Protein backbone atom coordinates (compact mmCIF):
# COMPACT_ATOMS: atom_id res chain seq x y z
CA MET A 1 -1.89 24.86 -12.65
CA LEU A 2 -1.88 21.79 -10.43
CA ARG A 3 -3.15 18.29 -11.09
CA VAL A 4 -3.73 16.01 -8.11
CA GLU A 5 -4.34 12.29 -8.15
CA ALA A 6 -5.10 10.47 -4.90
CA GLN A 7 -5.05 6.70 -4.94
CA GLU A 8 -5.31 4.22 -2.12
CA SER A 9 -3.11 1.17 -2.25
CA GLU A 10 -3.08 -1.73 0.18
CA ASN A 11 -0.70 0.09 2.54
CA ASP A 12 -0.75 3.77 1.61
CA LEU A 13 -2.66 6.77 0.40
CA VAL A 14 -0.58 7.96 -2.55
CA VAL A 15 -1.00 11.60 -3.57
CA LYS A 16 0.61 12.42 -6.91
CA LEU A 17 1.14 16.11 -7.63
CA GLU A 18 1.79 17.52 -11.11
CA GLY A 19 2.59 21.15 -11.90
CA ARG A 20 2.80 24.16 -9.59
CA PHE A 21 2.24 23.38 -5.90
CA SER A 22 1.43 26.80 -4.52
CA GLY A 23 -1.11 29.09 -2.92
CA ASP A 24 -4.75 28.06 -2.87
CA ASP A 25 -3.99 24.80 -4.71
CA ALA A 26 -1.61 23.69 -1.94
CA THR A 27 -4.22 24.63 0.66
CA ARG A 28 -6.86 22.56 -1.15
CA VAL A 29 -4.55 19.54 -1.25
CA ARG A 30 -3.94 19.91 2.49
CA ILE A 31 -7.71 19.90 3.07
CA LEU A 32 -8.12 16.89 0.75
CA VAL A 33 -5.51 14.87 2.63
CA THR A 34 -6.64 15.82 6.12
CA SER A 35 -10.28 15.08 5.30
CA ARG A 36 -9.39 11.40 4.88
CA LYS A 37 -8.72 8.96 7.68
CA LEU A 38 -4.99 8.41 7.55
CA GLU A 39 -4.95 4.93 9.02
CA LYS A 40 -2.59 3.95 6.24
CA GLY A 41 0.70 5.56 5.37
CA LEU A 42 0.87 8.71 3.25
CA VAL A 43 3.13 8.95 0.22
CA VAL A 44 3.43 12.23 -1.68
CA ASP A 45 4.81 11.86 -5.21
CA LEU A 46 6.64 15.02 -6.29
CA THR A 47 8.25 13.66 -9.46
CA VAL A 48 6.45 16.05 -11.83
CA VAL A 49 6.11 19.15 -9.64
CA THR A 50 7.66 22.19 -11.31
CA PHE A 51 7.37 24.91 -8.65
CA PHE A 52 6.74 25.49 -4.92
CA ASP A 53 5.98 28.66 -3.03
CA SER A 54 6.02 29.19 0.73
CA VAL A 55 2.47 27.80 1.08
CA GLY A 56 3.47 24.67 -0.86
CA GLU A 57 6.57 24.22 1.28
CA ALA A 58 4.55 24.68 4.48
CA THR A 59 2.05 22.08 3.26
CA LEU A 60 4.81 19.57 2.51
CA SER A 61 6.30 20.15 5.96
CA PHE A 62 2.84 19.59 7.46
CA PHE A 63 2.53 16.28 5.54
CA SER A 64 5.94 15.28 6.87
CA ARG A 65 4.75 15.89 10.44
CA LEU A 66 1.81 13.57 9.66
CA GLY A 67 4.36 10.87 8.83
CA ALA A 68 4.37 11.17 5.04
CA ASN A 69 7.16 9.88 2.84
CA PHE A 70 8.01 11.63 -0.42
CA VAL A 71 8.95 10.46 -3.90
CA ALA A 72 11.41 12.70 -5.75
CA GLU A 73 13.70 11.89 -8.65
CA ASP A 74 15.22 15.01 -10.18
CA ALA A 75 17.78 17.33 -8.62
CA TYR A 76 15.28 20.13 -7.94
CA MET A 77 12.82 17.93 -6.06
CA LEU A 78 15.59 16.14 -4.17
CA ASP A 79 16.96 19.55 -3.14
CA VAL A 80 13.52 20.66 -1.93
CA CYS A 81 13.19 17.44 0.10
CA GLU A 82 16.63 17.92 1.62
CA HIS A 83 16.00 21.60 2.39
CA LEU A 84 12.69 20.82 4.12
CA HIS A 85 13.99 17.61 5.76
CA LEU A 86 11.33 15.50 4.03
CA PRO A 87 11.83 11.73 4.30
CA LEU A 88 12.11 9.97 0.96
CA ALA A 89 10.03 6.89 0.27
CA ARG A 90 11.89 3.73 -0.58
CA LYS A 91 11.49 2.69 -4.17
CA PRO A 92 10.11 -0.79 -4.62
CA ASN A 93 12.54 -3.33 -6.05
CA ARG A 94 11.71 -3.89 -9.68
CA LYS A 95 12.07 -7.30 -11.20
CA SER A 96 13.73 -7.45 -14.60
């Protein structure tokens, strides 16, 4: 099961994915993203994704070719980003 949240900020379209990013769900997310005008940057948040298949990986690579940056925190997601050569988004500096 996949949950998708798309939110526009001042500078970016942020797509947060939760769960299994695979098959038809990954295809639907690709259609969702490409149906929008991407005049802003694209950030794909992978922090709570638990699984990818080849369709999910192909979709992430496609987003990367569109200029997306990716948010990943745990070892699995960081490994996926490294394996697919996905650029990581810079984390904003947090004030204490």
